[in-house]
Each structure stands twice: as structure tokens, then as C-alpha cells.
Amino acid sequence: MKVILTQDVKKVGKKGETVTVSDGYGQNFLIPRGLAKPSTDSTQKELKRDNAKEAERQKELKAEAEAIKARLESINVEFKLKTGSDGRAFGSISPKEICEGLEKQWGIKLDKRKFIDKYPANALGYTRLKIELYKGAEGEVVGTVNVHISEAK
């Protein structure tokens, strides 16, 4: 039996794929649970239409990520840290704090889990951290967040 998967199914296939499964598995498990639809001409056309919509949506997401990347290149996120008498910083700025600072200072909302450099910024001066803004079939967009840490007085 040929079915079109409506969700990812472990050991069977990914969403949108047309796969061949046994009749009992398709009729008694996949179709009643909404994990698949029988493969017919109308469902194949619907699948093509959905794939075209998804491709368009992915292009929009990539364009949006490119715009955020360009904006990130031109801005700095400012933080202040206490320092000791020898000029060393106490503490550090985590990726979560960097995301919160970006949102407060510049109105850019990013996910802390998308940072490629997961280490915290703990040196006075400028630090550049890479963040993955988009990852898809058309490639990926990686931006750079400029963090400026100065001495708190």
C-alpha cells in the first residue's frame, strides 16, 4: 500500500514522502492516527501544492534571516561588568543574557540555543559570537553578534 506521510514516522520516513508500507500497517495504524493519507491522484496534487507553499515560506524565512544578519553586523550589544583592581572581569555574559540585551537594546529577538559559540563572553572589550539564523534546504545563514563589555563604575 502506498501512503503519503503527514508527519515524520520513525523507521518509515519523513513528512511529505510517499512510501510503501504493508496494508495492515497503513490501514490499521498510520491512517487512523493521522500519520499518513492513502496515495491517490488528488493527494499527490495536494502534496505538490503544499511543497510549493513550503518552498516559498522557506525563501521568506531565509530573506528575513539575511536582513537580520545585515542588521547585526552594524550594531553592538553593550554590557557592563564589575572588574578587580588588576582589570580582570568578575563573571561573564551568557548567550541568554546576550539575547535579552539584543531584545531590550535593539528589538531583535533571537534564540539562545542557536549560538554556535556557546561559551560566555567574559573579557573586557569587543567579542564576536556566531549565531545560526537560518538552516534549510537553500543553505544556512550565520550572523555575528558584536558584544561590547565595559567596566562598571
N, C-alpha and C. Protein backbone atom coordinates (compact mmCIF):
# COMPACT_ATOMS: atom_id res chain seq x y z
N MET A 1 0.85 -1.18 0.00
CA MET A 1 0.00 0.00 0.00
C MET A 1 0.89 1.23 0.00
N LYS A 2 0.59 2.19 -0.88
CA LYS A 2 1.33 3.44 -0.94
C LYS A 2 0.59 4.50 -0.13
N VAL A 3 1.35 5.20 0.74
CA VAL A 3 0.78 6.26 1.56
C VAL A 3 1.69 7.49 1.49
N ILE A 4 1.09 8.65 1.76
CA ILE A 4 1.84 9.89 1.88
C ILE A 4 1.87 10.24 3.36
N LEU A 5 3.06 10.39 3.92
CA LEU A 5 3.19 10.67 5.35
C LEU A 5 2.85 12.13 5.63
N THR A 6 2.03 12.34 6.65
CA THR A 6 1.67 13.70 7.06
C THR A 6 2.52 14.17 8.23
N GLN A 7 3.28 13.26 8.84
CA GLN A 7 4.20 13.57 9.93
C GLN A 7 5.41 12.65 9.79
N ASP A 8 6.50 12.99 10.47
CA ASP A 8 7.66 12.09 10.49
C ASP A 8 7.28 10.84 11.27
N VAL A 9 7.59 9.68 10.72
CA VAL A 9 7.33 8.40 11.39
C VAL A 9 8.66 7.66 11.47
N LYS A 10 9.04 7.30 12.69
CA LYS A 10 10.31 6.62 12.92
C LYS A 10 10.38 5.33 12.12
N LYS A 11 11.51 5.11 11.47
CA LYS A 11 11.81 3.92 10.67
C LYS A 11 10.92 3.76 9.43
N VAL A 12 10.10 4.79 9.10
CA VAL A 12 9.26 4.71 7.91
C VAL A 12 9.65 5.82 6.94
N GLY A 13 9.65 7.08 7.40
CA GLY A 13 10.02 8.17 6.52
C GLY A 13 9.70 9.52 7.12
N LYS A 14 10.00 10.56 6.36
CA LYS A 14 9.78 11.94 6.77
C LYS A 14 8.45 12.45 6.23
N LYS A 15 8.02 13.56 6.80
CA LYS A 15 6.77 14.20 6.39
C LYS A 15 6.84 14.56 4.90
N GLY A 16 5.77 14.23 4.17
CA GLY A 16 5.68 14.57 2.76
C GLY A 16 6.19 13.49 1.82
N GLU A 17 6.81 12.46 2.34
CA GLU A 17 7.31 11.38 1.49
C GLU A 17 6.19 10.40 1.13
N THR A 18 6.30 9.82 -0.06
CA THR A 18 5.40 8.75 -0.46
C THR A 18 6.15 7.44 -0.24
N VAL A 19 5.62 6.59 0.63
CA VAL A 19 6.30 5.33 0.97
C VAL A 19 5.34 4.16 0.78
N THR A 20 5.92 2.99 0.62
CA THR A 20 5.15 1.77 0.51
C THR A 20 5.24 1.03 1.84
N VAL A 21 4.08 0.73 2.43
CA VAL A 21 4.02 0.00 3.69
C VAL A 21 3.06 -1.18 3.51
N SER A 22 3.08 -2.07 4.48
CA SER A 22 2.15 -3.20 4.38
C SER A 22 0.72 -2.69 4.54
N ASP A 23 -0.23 -3.41 3.97
CA ASP A 23 -1.63 -2.99 4.01
C ASP A 23 -2.14 -2.83 5.44
N GLY A 24 -1.86 -3.79 6.29
CA GLY A 24 -2.35 -3.73 7.67
C GLY A 24 -1.77 -2.55 8.44
N TYR A 25 -0.48 -2.29 8.27
CA TYR A 25 0.17 -1.19 8.96
C TYR A 25 -0.41 0.15 8.51
N GLY A 26 -0.63 0.26 7.20
CA GLY A 26 -1.20 1.51 6.68
C GLY A 26 -2.63 1.71 7.12
N GLN A 27 -3.47 0.69 6.98
CA GLN A 27 -4.90 0.84 7.26
C GLN A 27 -5.23 0.83 8.75
N ASN A 28 -4.47 0.09 9.54
CA ASN A 28 -4.80 -0.05 10.95
C ASN A 28 -4.02 0.86 11.87
N PHE A 29 -2.90 1.41 11.40
CA PHE A 29 -2.09 2.24 12.29
C PHE A 29 -1.88 3.65 11.75
N LEU A 30 -1.28 3.76 10.57
CA LEU A 30 -0.90 5.08 10.06
C LEU A 30 -2.09 5.98 9.73
N ILE A 31 -3.04 5.47 8.96
CA ILE A 31 -4.16 6.30 8.51
C ILE A 31 -5.10 6.66 9.67
N PRO A 32 -5.51 5.75 10.55
CA PRO A 32 -6.40 6.14 11.66
C PRO A 32 -5.78 7.15 12.62
N ARG A 33 -4.47 7.11 12.79
CA ARG A 33 -3.80 8.04 13.71
C ARG A 33 -3.46 9.37 13.04
N GLY A 34 -3.75 9.50 11.76
CA GLY A 34 -3.48 10.76 11.06
C GLY A 34 -2.02 10.92 10.69
N LEU A 35 -1.25 9.86 10.71
CA LEU A 35 0.16 9.93 10.36
C LEU A 35 0.39 9.84 8.85
N ALA A 36 -0.63 9.37 8.12
CA ALA A 36 -0.49 9.23 6.67
C ALA A 36 -1.85 9.31 6.01
N LYS A 37 -1.83 9.54 4.68
CA LYS A 37 -3.02 9.51 3.84
C LYS A 37 -2.77 8.53 2.71
N PRO A 38 -3.81 7.87 2.23
CA PRO A 38 -3.61 6.98 1.08
C PRO A 38 -3.12 7.79 -0.12
N SER A 39 -2.23 7.22 -0.89
CA SER A 39 -1.67 7.91 -2.06
C SER A 39 -2.63 7.77 -3.24
N THR A 40 -3.27 8.88 -3.60
CA THR A 40 -4.15 8.93 -4.77
C THR A 40 -3.72 10.13 -5.62
N ASP A 41 -4.37 10.29 -6.77
CA ASP A 41 -4.03 11.44 -7.62
C ASP A 41 -4.28 12.76 -6.91
N SER A 42 -5.42 12.86 -6.21
CA SER A 42 -5.75 14.12 -5.54
C SER A 42 -4.77 14.40 -4.39
N THR A 43 -4.39 13.39 -3.64
CA THR A 43 -3.44 13.63 -2.54
C THR A 43 -2.05 13.94 -3.07
N GLN A 44 -1.69 13.39 -4.23
CA GLN A 44 -0.40 13.72 -4.84
C GLN A 44 -0.38 15.20 -5.27
N LYS A 45 -1.50 15.67 -5.85
CA LYS A 45 -1.59 17.08 -6.25
C LYS A 45 -1.52 17.99 -5.02
N GLU A 46 -2.22 17.58 -3.96
CA GLU A 46 -2.21 18.34 -2.72
C GLU A 46 -0.79 18.40 -2.14
N LEU A 47 -0.07 17.30 -2.22
CA LEU A 47 1.31 17.24 -1.73
C LEU A 47 2.19 18.20 -2.52
N LYS A 48 2.05 18.23 -3.83
CA LYS A 48 2.84 19.15 -4.66
C LYS A 48 2.53 20.60 -4.31
N ARG A 49 1.25 20.90 -4.10
CA ARG A 49 0.84 22.26 -3.74
C ARG A 49 1.43 22.65 -2.38
N ASP A 50 1.38 21.73 -1.41
CA ASP A 50 1.95 22.01 -0.09
C ASP A 50 3.46 22.20 -0.15
N ASN A 51 4.14 21.40 -0.98
CA ASN A 51 5.58 21.54 -1.13
C ASN A 51 5.95 22.89 -1.73
N ALA A 52 5.15 23.36 -2.69
CA ALA A 52 5.40 24.67 -3.29
C ALA A 52 5.22 25.78 -2.25
N LYS A 53 4.17 25.67 -1.42
CA LYS A 53 3.95 26.67 -0.36
C LYS A 53 5.10 26.66 0.64
N GLU A 54 5.56 25.47 1.00
CA GLU A 54 6.65 25.35 1.96
C GLU A 54 7.95 25.93 1.40
N ALA A 55 8.21 25.72 0.12
CA ALA A 55 9.41 26.28 -0.51
C ALA A 55 9.35 27.80 -0.50
N GLU A 56 8.17 28.36 -0.76
CA GLU A 56 8.01 29.81 -0.72
C GLU A 56 8.23 30.35 0.69
N ARG A 57 7.70 29.65 1.67
CA ARG A 57 7.87 30.06 3.06
C ARG A 57 9.34 30.01 3.48
N GLN A 58 10.06 28.99 3.01
CA GLN A 58 11.48 28.87 3.34
C GLN A 58 12.28 30.02 2.72
N LYS A 59 11.90 30.44 1.50
CA LYS A 59 12.57 31.58 0.87
C LYS A 59 12.36 32.85 1.68
N GLU A 60 11.13 33.04 2.18
CA GLU A 60 10.84 34.21 3.00
C GLU A 60 11.64 34.18 4.30
N LEU A 61 11.72 33.01 4.93
CA LEU A 61 12.49 32.89 6.17
C LEU A 61 13.97 33.19 5.94
N LYS A 62 14.50 32.72 4.81
CA LYS A 62 15.91 32.98 4.52
C LYS A 62 16.14 34.46 4.27
N ALA A 63 15.23 35.12 3.55
CA ALA A 63 15.36 36.55 3.29
C ALA A 63 15.30 37.34 4.60
N GLU A 64 14.42 36.92 5.50
CA GLU A 64 14.32 37.57 6.81
C GLU A 64 15.61 37.39 7.61
N ALA A 65 16.19 36.20 7.55
CA ALA A 65 17.44 35.92 8.25
C ALA A 65 18.58 36.75 7.66
N GLU A 66 18.60 36.93 6.35
CA GLU A 66 19.62 37.77 5.72
C GLU A 66 19.51 39.21 6.19
N ALA A 67 18.27 39.70 6.35
CA ALA A 67 18.06 41.07 6.82
C ALA A 67 18.55 41.22 8.26
N ILE A 68 18.27 40.23 9.10
CA ILE A 68 18.73 40.27 10.49
C ILE A 68 20.25 40.21 10.54
N LYS A 69 20.85 39.40 9.67
CA LYS A 69 22.32 39.29 9.62
C LYS A 69 22.94 40.64 9.30
N ALA A 70 22.40 41.33 8.30
CA ALA A 70 22.93 42.64 7.91
C ALA A 70 22.80 43.64 9.06
N ARG A 71 21.69 43.56 9.78
CA ARG A 71 21.48 44.49 10.89
C ARG A 71 22.42 44.19 12.06
N LEU A 72 22.66 42.89 12.32
CA LEU A 72 23.55 42.51 13.41
C LEU A 72 24.98 42.97 13.17
N GLU A 73 25.40 42.99 11.90
CA GLU A 73 26.77 43.39 11.58
C GLU A 73 27.05 44.83 11.98
N SER A 74 26.02 45.66 11.98
CA SER A 74 26.23 47.09 12.20
C SER A 74 25.96 47.56 13.63
N ILE A 75 25.61 46.65 14.54
CA ILE A 75 25.28 47.08 15.90
C ILE A 75 26.16 46.38 16.93
N ASN A 76 26.23 46.97 18.11
CA ASN A 76 26.94 46.38 19.24
C ASN A 76 25.96 46.26 20.39
N VAL A 77 26.06 45.17 21.14
CA VAL A 77 25.26 44.97 22.33
C VAL A 77 26.15 45.36 23.51
N GLU A 78 25.71 46.31 24.31
CA GLU A 78 26.52 46.86 25.40
C GLU A 78 26.20 46.18 26.73
N PHE A 79 27.25 45.83 27.46
CA PHE A 79 27.12 45.26 28.81
C PHE A 79 28.19 45.86 29.70
N LYS A 80 27.93 45.88 31.00
CA LYS A 80 28.90 46.35 31.98
C LYS A 80 29.14 45.24 32.98
N LEU A 81 30.43 45.03 33.32
CA LEU A 81 30.80 44.03 34.31
C LEU A 81 31.70 44.67 35.36
N LYS A 82 31.59 44.20 36.58
CA LYS A 82 32.49 44.65 37.63
C LYS A 82 33.87 44.06 37.37
N THR A 83 34.90 44.86 37.70
CA THR A 83 36.26 44.39 37.48
C THR A 83 37.06 44.53 38.76
N GLY A 84 38.11 43.75 38.85
CA GLY A 84 39.00 43.81 40.00
C GLY A 84 40.05 44.88 39.80
N SER A 85 40.94 45.02 40.77
CA SER A 85 41.97 46.05 40.69
C SER A 85 42.98 45.77 39.56
N ASP A 86 43.12 44.50 39.17
CA ASP A 86 44.06 44.17 38.10
C ASP A 86 43.42 44.23 36.72
N GLY A 87 42.15 44.65 36.63
CA GLY A 87 41.47 44.82 35.35
C GLY A 87 40.76 43.58 34.84
N ARG A 88 40.73 42.50 35.61
CA ARG A 88 40.02 41.29 35.19
C ARG A 88 38.55 41.41 35.54
N ALA A 89 37.71 40.85 34.66
CA ALA A 89 36.26 40.94 34.86
C ALA A 89 35.79 39.86 35.83
N PHE A 90 34.82 40.22 36.67
CA PHE A 90 34.16 39.26 37.53
C PHE A 90 32.89 38.80 36.83
N GLY A 91 32.77 37.51 36.60
CA GLY A 91 31.57 36.99 35.95
C GLY A 91 31.71 36.99 34.44
N SER A 92 30.59 36.74 33.77
CA SER A 92 30.58 36.68 32.31
C SER A 92 29.18 36.96 31.81
N ILE A 93 29.06 37.12 30.50
CA ILE A 93 27.78 37.37 29.85
C ILE A 93 27.42 36.11 29.06
N SER A 94 26.32 35.47 29.44
CA SER A 94 25.91 34.22 28.81
C SER A 94 25.14 34.51 27.51
N PRO A 95 24.99 33.50 26.64
CA PRO A 95 24.18 33.70 25.42
C PRO A 95 22.75 34.13 25.73
N LYS A 96 22.19 33.65 26.85
CA LYS A 96 20.83 34.07 27.23
C LYS A 96 20.79 35.56 27.51
N GLU A 97 21.79 36.06 28.24
CA GLU A 97 21.84 37.49 28.54
C GLU A 97 22.07 38.31 27.28
N ILE A 98 22.83 37.77 26.34
CA ILE A 98 23.08 38.47 25.08
C ILE A 98 21.76 38.60 24.30
N CYS A 99 20.97 37.53 24.26
CA CYS A 99 19.67 37.58 23.57
C CYS A 99 18.74 38.58 24.23
N GLU A 100 18.73 38.60 25.57
CA GLU A 100 17.89 39.57 26.28
C GLU A 100 18.36 40.99 26.00
N GLY A 101 19.67 41.21 25.98
CA GLY A 101 20.22 42.53 25.67
C GLY A 101 19.89 42.98 24.26
N LEU A 102 19.96 42.06 23.31
CA LEU A 102 19.59 42.39 21.92
C LEU A 102 18.13 42.82 21.83
N GLU A 103 17.27 42.11 22.57
CA GLU A 103 15.85 42.45 22.52
C GLU A 103 15.58 43.80 23.19
N LYS A 104 16.22 44.06 24.33
CA LYS A 104 15.99 45.33 25.03
C LYS A 104 16.58 46.51 24.28
N GLN A 105 17.82 46.35 23.81
CA GLN A 105 18.53 47.48 23.22
C GLN A 105 18.16 47.73 21.76
N TRP A 106 17.90 46.67 21.00
CA TRP A 106 17.71 46.83 19.57
C TRP A 106 16.40 46.25 19.04
N GLY A 107 15.65 45.53 19.85
CA GLY A 107 14.38 44.96 19.40
C GLY A 107 14.53 43.75 18.49
N ILE A 108 15.68 43.08 18.56
CA ILE A 108 15.92 41.88 17.75
C ILE A 108 15.76 40.67 18.65
N LYS A 109 14.85 39.78 18.26
CA LYS A 109 14.58 38.60 19.08
C LYS A 109 15.27 37.39 18.46
N LEU A 110 16.18 36.77 19.22
CA LEU A 110 16.91 35.59 18.77
C LEU A 110 16.79 34.48 19.81
N ASP A 111 17.09 33.26 19.39
CA ASP A 111 17.02 32.11 20.28
C ASP A 111 18.42 31.81 20.82
N LYS A 112 18.53 31.68 22.13
CA LYS A 112 19.84 31.44 22.74
C LYS A 112 20.45 30.10 22.33
N ARG A 113 19.63 29.15 21.93
CA ARG A 113 20.13 27.84 21.54
C ARG A 113 20.77 27.83 20.16
N LYS A 114 20.61 28.90 19.41
CA LYS A 114 21.14 28.97 18.05
C LYS A 114 22.59 29.48 18.00
N PHE A 115 23.16 29.84 19.15
CA PHE A 115 24.54 30.31 19.16
C PHE A 115 25.46 29.15 18.81
N ILE A 116 26.37 29.38 17.89
CA ILE A 116 27.36 28.37 17.53
C ILE A 116 28.47 28.37 18.57
N ASP A 117 28.88 29.57 18.98
CA ASP A 117 29.88 29.71 20.04
C ASP A 117 29.12 29.73 21.36
N LYS A 118 29.09 28.62 22.07
CA LYS A 118 28.27 28.52 23.27
C LYS A 118 28.97 29.08 24.51
N TYR A 119 30.23 29.46 24.38
CA TYR A 119 30.94 29.96 25.55
C TYR A 119 30.49 31.38 25.90
N PRO A 120 30.52 31.72 27.18
CA PRO A 120 30.10 33.06 27.58
C PRO A 120 31.19 34.08 27.27
N ALA A 121 30.78 35.32 27.06
CA ALA A 121 31.71 36.42 26.82
C ALA A 121 32.16 36.93 28.18
N ASN A 122 33.48 36.88 28.46
CA ASN A 122 33.94 37.28 29.79
C ASN A 122 35.15 38.20 29.76
N ALA A 123 35.51 38.72 28.62
CA ALA A 123 36.65 39.62 28.51
C ALA A 123 36.17 41.04 28.24
N LEU A 124 36.84 42.00 28.83
CA LEU A 124 36.51 43.40 28.55
C LEU A 124 36.85 43.69 27.10
N GLY A 125 36.07 44.56 26.49
CA GLY A 125 36.30 44.91 25.10
C GLY A 125 35.23 44.30 24.20
N TYR A 126 35.61 44.03 22.97
CA TYR A 126 34.66 43.52 21.99
C TYR A 126 34.84 42.01 21.80
N THR A 127 33.72 41.32 21.73
CA THR A 127 33.70 39.89 21.48
C THR A 127 32.71 39.63 20.36
N ARG A 128 33.09 38.77 19.42
CA ARG A 128 32.20 38.44 18.31
C ARG A 128 31.77 36.99 18.47
N LEU A 129 30.44 36.77 18.51
CA LEU A 129 29.89 35.43 18.66
C LEU A 129 29.05 35.11 17.43
N LYS A 130 29.18 33.89 16.93
CA LYS A 130 28.42 33.47 15.75
C LYS A 130 27.10 32.86 16.19
N ILE A 131 26.05 33.16 15.40
CA ILE A 131 24.73 32.61 15.67
C ILE A 131 24.11 32.14 14.35
N GLU A 132 23.47 30.98 14.41
CA GLU A 132 22.81 30.41 13.23
C GLU A 132 21.41 31.02 13.13
N LEU A 133 21.19 31.82 12.09
CA LEU A 133 19.92 32.50 11.92
C LEU A 133 18.92 31.68 11.10
N TYR A 134 19.44 30.87 10.18
CA TYR A 134 18.57 30.07 9.31
C TYR A 134 19.33 28.83 8.86
N LYS A 135 18.63 27.71 8.83
CA LYS A 135 19.21 26.48 8.30
C LYS A 135 18.11 25.76 7.55
N GLY A 136 18.32 25.53 6.27
CA GLY A 136 17.30 24.88 5.47
C GLY A 136 17.90 24.28 4.22
N ALA A 137 17.02 23.93 3.29
CA ALA A 137 17.44 23.29 2.05
C ALA A 137 18.26 24.24 1.17
N GLU A 138 18.00 25.54 1.26
CA GLU A 138 18.70 26.51 0.43
C GLU A 138 20.01 26.96 1.04
N GLY A 139 20.46 26.31 2.10
CA GLY A 139 21.71 26.71 2.74
C GLY A 139 21.44 27.24 4.14
N GLU A 140 22.46 27.83 4.71
CA GLU A 140 22.29 28.38 6.04
C GLU A 140 22.82 29.80 6.09
N VAL A 141 22.28 30.56 7.04
CA VAL A 141 22.69 31.94 7.25
C VAL A 141 23.25 32.04 8.66
N VAL A 142 24.51 32.45 8.75
CA VAL A 142 25.16 32.59 10.05
C VAL A 142 25.52 34.06 10.24
N GLY A 143 25.03 34.64 11.32
CA GLY A 143 25.30 36.03 11.62
C GLY A 143 26.32 36.15 12.75
N THR A 144 26.82 37.37 12.95
CA THR A 144 27.78 37.62 14.00
C THR A 144 27.23 38.69 14.92
N VAL A 145 27.21 38.39 16.21
CA VAL A 145 26.74 39.33 17.23
C VAL A 145 27.97 39.98 17.84
N ASN A 146 28.02 41.31 17.80
CA ASN A 146 29.12 42.05 18.40
C ASN A 146 28.73 42.42 19.82
N VAL A 147 29.50 41.95 20.80
CA VAL A 147 29.23 42.23 22.20
C VAL A 147 30.34 43.12 22.73
N HIS A 148 29.96 44.25 23.33
CA HIS A 148 30.95 45.15 23.93
C HIS A 148 30.76 45.12 25.45
N ILE A 149 31.81 44.72 26.14
CA ILE A 149 31.77 44.65 27.59
C ILE A 149 32.68 45.73 28.13
N SER A 150 32.11 46.61 28.96
CA SER A 150 32.92 47.68 29.54
C SER A 150 32.91 47.54 31.06
N GLU A 151 33.77 48.33 31.69
CA GLU A 151 33.93 48.28 33.14
C GLU A 151 32.82 49.06 33.83
N ALA A 152 32.17 48.42 34.81
CA ALA A 152 31.14 49.09 35.59
C ALA A 152 31.83 49.94 36.66
N LYS A 153 31.32 51.15 36.85
CA LYS A 153 31.95 52.04 37.83
C LYS A 153 31.10 52.21 39.04
